[in-house]
Amino acid sequence: MGKLFRFAFGNWGNARAFFAHPGNPRRAVRVGFEETRHPNLVVRWSAAASSTDPERILEDVAALGAF
């Protein structure tokens, strides 16, 4: 799994963030995600996210439910 994350986080493209619904959010934190106030939703923000409204993006993704 580490190789997958290293590849993804090294190739952001135009993504502002990576989101995940892991079974164990604390394990996701170990590979660079941060927990959110939404249960089991974690995020890793790109540098480009600071130029947008991260709070709006987070709420939009949380509204999708588990994916």
N, C-alpha and C. Protein backbone atom coordinates (compact mmCIF):
# COMPACT_ATOMS: atom_id res chain seq x y z
N MET A 1 0.83 -1.20 0.00
CA MET A 1 0.00 0.00 0.00
C MET A 1 0.87 1.26 0.00
N GLY A 2 2.03 1.21 0.61
CA GLY A 2 2.90 2.38 0.67
C GLY A 2 3.31 2.87 -0.70
N LYS A 3 3.61 1.94 -1.63
CA LYS A 3 4.00 2.34 -2.98
C LYS A 3 2.87 3.08 -3.69
N LEU A 4 1.65 2.61 -3.49
CA LEU A 4 0.49 3.25 -4.10
C LEU A 4 0.37 4.70 -3.63
N PHE A 5 0.47 4.91 -2.33
CA PHE A 5 0.36 6.27 -1.80
C PHE A 5 1.52 7.14 -2.25
N ARG A 6 2.73 6.60 -2.27
CA ARG A 6 3.88 7.40 -2.73
C ARG A 6 3.67 7.83 -4.17
N PHE A 7 3.16 6.93 -5.00
CA PHE A 7 2.91 7.29 -6.40
C PHE A 7 1.81 8.36 -6.49
N ALA A 8 0.70 8.13 -5.80
CA ALA A 8 -0.43 9.07 -5.88
C ALA A 8 -0.05 10.44 -5.35
N PHE A 9 0.61 10.48 -4.21
CA PHE A 9 0.96 11.77 -3.61
C PHE A 9 2.09 12.47 -4.37
N GLY A 10 2.78 11.74 -5.22
CA GLY A 10 3.81 12.35 -6.06
C GLY A 10 3.27 12.82 -7.39
N ASN A 11 2.01 12.51 -7.68
CA ASN A 11 1.40 12.84 -8.97
C ASN A 11 0.02 13.45 -8.76
N TRP A 12 -0.03 14.63 -8.20
CA TRP A 12 -1.30 15.27 -7.85
C TRP A 12 -2.12 15.67 -9.06
N GLY A 13 -1.49 15.96 -10.18
CA GLY A 13 -2.25 16.48 -11.31
C GLY A 13 -2.94 17.77 -10.90
N ASN A 14 -4.22 17.91 -11.15
CA ASN A 14 -4.94 19.12 -10.73
C ASN A 14 -5.79 18.85 -9.49
N ALA A 15 -5.54 17.73 -8.80
CA ALA A 15 -6.31 17.40 -7.60
C ALA A 15 -5.99 18.37 -6.46
N ARG A 16 -7.00 18.74 -5.72
CA ARG A 16 -6.82 19.61 -4.56
C ARG A 16 -6.69 18.79 -3.28
N ALA A 17 -7.16 17.54 -3.33
CA ALA A 17 -7.09 16.69 -2.15
C ALA A 17 -7.34 15.24 -2.53
N PHE A 18 -6.88 14.35 -1.67
CA PHE A 18 -7.23 12.94 -1.73
C PHE A 18 -8.09 12.66 -0.51
N PHE A 19 -9.22 12.00 -0.71
CA PHE A 19 -10.11 11.63 0.38
C PHE A 19 -10.20 10.12 0.46
N ALA A 20 -10.47 9.61 1.64
CA ALA A 20 -10.65 8.17 1.83
C ALA A 20 -11.59 7.91 2.99
N HIS A 21 -12.23 6.75 2.95
CA HIS A 21 -13.08 6.27 4.05
C HIS A 21 -12.45 4.97 4.55
N PRO A 22 -11.36 5.06 5.29
CA PRO A 22 -10.70 3.84 5.75
C PRO A 22 -11.43 3.19 6.91
N GLY A 23 -11.22 1.91 7.06
CA GLY A 23 -11.79 1.23 8.22
C GLY A 23 -11.14 1.70 9.51
N ASN A 24 -9.87 2.06 9.43
CA ASN A 24 -9.13 2.53 10.59
C ASN A 24 -8.45 3.85 10.24
N PRO A 25 -9.08 4.99 10.55
CA PRO A 25 -8.51 6.29 10.18
C PRO A 25 -7.11 6.53 10.74
N ARG A 26 -6.79 5.95 11.88
CA ARG A 26 -5.46 6.18 12.47
C ARG A 26 -4.35 5.58 11.61
N ARG A 27 -4.64 4.49 10.92
CA ARG A 27 -3.65 3.93 10.01
C ARG A 27 -3.44 4.86 8.82
N ALA A 28 -4.52 5.49 8.34
CA ALA A 28 -4.41 6.42 7.22
C ALA A 28 -3.57 7.63 7.60
N VAL A 29 -3.66 8.04 8.85
CA VAL A 29 -2.87 9.18 9.33
C VAL A 29 -1.38 8.86 9.20
N ARG A 30 -1.01 7.62 9.40
CA ARG A 30 0.40 7.23 9.30
C ARG A 30 0.98 7.41 7.90
N VAL A 31 0.13 7.44 6.87
CA VAL A 31 0.63 7.64 5.51
C VAL A 31 0.32 9.03 4.98
N GLY A 32 -0.03 9.96 5.86
CA GLY A 32 -0.15 11.35 5.45
C GLY A 32 -1.53 11.95 5.42
N PHE A 33 -2.56 11.17 5.69
CA PHE A 33 -3.91 11.72 5.75
C PHE A 33 -4.13 12.40 7.10
N GLU A 34 -5.12 13.26 7.18
CA GLU A 34 -5.51 13.83 8.46
C GLU A 34 -6.99 13.53 8.69
N GLU A 35 -7.32 13.30 9.95
CA GLU A 35 -8.71 13.02 10.28
C GLU A 35 -9.54 14.30 10.13
N THR A 36 -10.83 14.13 9.85
CA THR A 36 -11.76 15.26 9.76
C THR A 36 -12.81 15.08 10.85
N ARG A 37 -13.71 16.03 10.95
CA ARG A 37 -14.77 15.91 11.96
C ARG A 37 -15.85 14.91 11.55
N HIS A 38 -15.75 14.40 10.33
CA HIS A 38 -16.71 13.42 9.82
C HIS A 38 -16.17 12.02 10.11
N PRO A 39 -17.00 11.14 10.67
CA PRO A 39 -16.53 9.80 11.02
C PRO A 39 -15.95 9.04 9.82
N ASN A 40 -14.77 8.52 10.00
CA ASN A 40 -14.08 7.69 8.99
C ASN A 40 -13.79 8.39 7.67
N LEU A 41 -13.83 9.70 7.63
CA LEU A 41 -13.44 10.44 6.43
C LEU A 41 -12.11 11.12 6.72
N VAL A 42 -11.10 10.79 5.91
CA VAL A 42 -9.79 11.39 6.07
C VAL A 42 -9.44 12.13 4.78
N VAL A 43 -8.49 13.06 4.88
CA VAL A 43 -8.11 13.88 3.74
C VAL A 43 -6.61 14.14 3.76
N ARG A 44 -6.07 14.27 2.58
CA ARG A 44 -4.71 14.79 2.44
C ARG A 44 -4.81 15.92 1.43
N TRP A 45 -4.54 17.14 1.89
CA TRP A 45 -4.68 18.33 1.06
C TRP A 45 -3.42 18.55 0.24
N SER A 46 -3.60 19.05 -0.97
CA SER A 46 -2.46 19.46 -1.80
C SER A 46 -2.17 20.93 -1.51
N ALA A 47 -1.05 21.40 -2.00
CA ALA A 47 -0.72 22.81 -1.83
C ALA A 47 -1.74 23.69 -2.55
N ALA A 48 -2.34 23.19 -3.63
CA ALA A 48 -3.32 23.95 -4.40
C ALA A 48 -4.61 24.18 -3.63
N ALA A 49 -4.87 23.38 -2.61
CA ALA A 49 -6.11 23.52 -1.84
C ALA A 49 -6.18 24.83 -1.08
N SER A 50 -5.04 25.41 -0.76
CA SER A 50 -5.06 26.66 0.00
C SER A 50 -5.64 27.81 -0.80
N SER A 51 -5.66 27.68 -2.14
CA SER A 51 -6.21 28.75 -2.97
C SER A 51 -7.71 28.59 -3.17
N THR A 52 -8.30 27.56 -2.61
CA THR A 52 -9.74 27.34 -2.73
C THR A 52 -10.34 27.35 -1.33
N ASP A 53 -11.56 26.93 -1.22
CA ASP A 53 -12.23 26.86 0.07
C ASP A 53 -12.23 25.41 0.56
N PRO A 54 -11.21 25.01 1.33
CA PRO A 54 -11.14 23.61 1.76
C PRO A 54 -12.36 23.16 2.56
N GLU A 55 -12.96 24.05 3.30
CA GLU A 55 -14.14 23.70 4.10
C GLU A 55 -15.30 23.30 3.18
N ARG A 56 -15.49 24.03 2.11
CA ARG A 56 -16.56 23.71 1.16
C ARG A 56 -16.29 22.37 0.49
N ILE A 57 -15.04 22.14 0.09
CA ILE A 57 -14.68 20.87 -0.54
C ILE A 57 -14.94 19.72 0.42
N LEU A 58 -14.54 19.88 1.67
CA LEU A 58 -14.75 18.84 2.68
C LEU A 58 -16.23 18.53 2.85
N GLU A 59 -17.05 19.55 2.94
CA GLU A 59 -18.50 19.32 3.11
C GLU A 59 -19.11 18.66 1.88
N ASP A 60 -18.67 19.05 0.69
CA ASP A 60 -19.17 18.42 -0.54
C ASP A 60 -18.84 16.93 -0.58
N VAL A 61 -17.63 16.60 -0.20
CA VAL A 61 -17.21 15.20 -0.20
C VAL A 61 -17.94 14.42 0.89
N ALA A 62 -18.08 15.00 2.07
CA ALA A 62 -18.78 14.33 3.17
C ALA A 62 -20.24 14.05 2.78
N ALA A 63 -20.84 14.94 2.00
CA ALA A 63 -22.23 14.76 1.58
C ALA A 63 -22.40 13.56 0.64
N LEU A 64 -21.32 13.13 0.01
CA LEU A 64 -21.39 11.97 -0.87
C LEU A 64 -21.61 10.67 -0.11
N GLY A 65 -21.23 10.65 1.15
CA GLY A 65 -21.32 9.43 1.93
C GLY A 65 -20.11 8.55 1.64
N ALA A 66 -20.16 7.33 2.15
CA ALA A 66 -19.03 6.41 1.93
C ALA A 66 -18.90 6.09 0.45
N PHE A 67 -17.69 6.03 -0.01
CA PHE A 67 -17.43 5.73 -1.42
C PHE A 67 -16.37 4.69 -1.55
